[in-house]
Structure formats: C-alpha cells, structure tokens
Amino acid sequence: MQEELEDLYAAQEAGIAFILGHSHVRAKQGSSVLKKLALNYGYNFLRRICKGLDVALKVPLVSLSEVGMVYS
C-alpha cells in the first residue's frame, strides 16, 4: 500500500490529470413507489451530502475531469 501511495504522490507532483466517475441512479418507470422514493430521492440525497473524492483527495480543479453515467 505504501508503494501505491508513493506512486500517487509522484503522479500528483508530475501534474497528472485526475478523472473521477459519477453514477446517477434512477428507478425505472414501472417501479414501485417505495423503490422510486428510495432510489430517486434517498440515494441522490446521500450522494449530495457526502464529501466527494475530489475534496477528500485534495485534487486541484485545474487537474480534474469528471465523467458520469446514468443507471436506471
């Protein structure tokens, strides 16, 4: 693990760009009301209030690229 951390620090010092992936989950049209509430509102609420990886890893904004995908 120490070796992997050293590699990450070396990449950061070299100015490597960071790519973070985001997933958005939505219930299907025919899903039950409980599933729609849990996924469409509960999951997204928890996703919004949790600290993002870019903040946790202290990634500079100029080195950050974000991509996303929607699951249903």
Protein backbone atom coordinates (compact mmCIF):
# COMPACT_ATOMS: atom_id res chain seq x y z
CA MET A 1 0.00 0.00 0.00
CA GLN A 2 2.86 2.37 0.77
CA GLU A 3 4.24 1.85 -2.73
CA GLU A 4 0.88 2.72 -4.29
CA LEU A 5 0.68 5.91 -2.22
CA GLU A 6 4.16 6.89 -3.33
CA ASP A 7 3.13 6.35 -6.96
CA LEU A 8 0.07 8.55 -6.46
CA TYR A 9 2.13 11.32 -4.89
CA ALA A 10 4.68 11.12 -7.72
CA ALA A 11 1.89 11.38 -10.30
CA GLN A 12 0.39 14.35 -8.49
CA GLU A 13 3.72 16.15 -8.43
CA ALA A 14 4.13 15.50 -12.17
CA GLY A 15 0.81 17.25 -12.88
CA ILE A 16 -1.20 14.20 -13.90
CA ALA A 17 -4.90 14.84 -14.58
CA PHE A 18 -7.47 13.13 -12.37
CA ILE A 19 -10.58 11.57 -13.87
CA LEU A 20 -13.47 10.97 -11.48
CA GLY A 21 -16.55 8.99 -12.38
CA HIS A 22 -20.06 9.76 -11.16
CA SER A 23 -23.02 7.43 -11.23
CA HIS A 24 -26.62 8.57 -11.10
CA VAL A 25 -29.23 6.00 -10.15
CA ARG A 26 -32.90 6.35 -11.11
CA ALA A 27 -35.76 3.89 -10.70
CA LYS A 28 -37.42 2.52 -13.83
CA GLN A 29 -40.82 3.80 -14.92
CA GLY A 30 -42.71 0.70 -13.71
CA SER A 31 -41.02 0.52 -10.28
CA SER A 32 -42.96 0.61 -7.02
CA VAL A 33 -43.42 3.87 -5.14
CA LEU A 34 -41.10 2.70 -2.35
CA LYS A 35 -38.31 1.89 -4.79
CA LYS A 36 -38.77 5.24 -6.55
CA LEU A 37 -38.56 7.10 -3.24
CA ALA A 38 -35.52 5.14 -2.09
CA LEU A 39 -33.58 5.50 -5.33
CA ASN A 40 -34.69 8.80 -6.78
CA TYR A 41 -34.66 10.75 -3.54
CA GLY A 42 -32.86 8.78 -0.81
CA TYR A 43 -29.81 7.70 -2.82
CA ASN A 44 -29.41 11.08 -4.51
CA PHE A 45 -29.73 12.89 -1.17
CA LEU A 46 -26.98 10.74 0.34
CA ARG A 47 -24.81 11.22 -2.75
CA ARG A 48 -25.13 15.02 -2.50
CA ILE A 49 -24.33 15.32 1.21
CA CYS A 50 -21.29 13.03 1.16
CA LYS A 51 -17.90 14.58 0.58
CA GLY A 52 -16.68 13.99 -2.95
CA LEU A 53 -13.44 12.26 -3.82
CA ASP A 54 -12.01 15.44 -5.30
CA VAL A 55 -12.36 17.16 -1.91
CA ALA A 56 -11.15 14.16 0.08
CA LEU A 57 -8.07 13.71 -2.11
CA LYS A 58 -7.43 17.49 -2.37
CA VAL A 59 -7.36 17.39 -6.18
CA PRO A 60 -6.71 20.80 -7.76
CA LEU A 61 -9.59 21.89 -10.01
CA VAL A 62 -7.30 22.50 -12.99
CA SER A 63 -6.28 18.81 -12.91
CA LEU A 64 -9.81 17.43 -12.55
CA SER A 65 -12.05 15.95 -15.23
CA GLU A 66 -15.42 14.46 -14.28
CA VAL A 67 -17.43 11.93 -16.27
CA GLY A 68 -20.82 10.49 -15.48
CA MET A 69 -23.31 7.74 -16.24
CA VAL A 70 -27.00 7.27 -15.52
CA TYR A 71 -28.25 3.85 -14.38
CA SER A 72 -31.94 3.03 -14.45
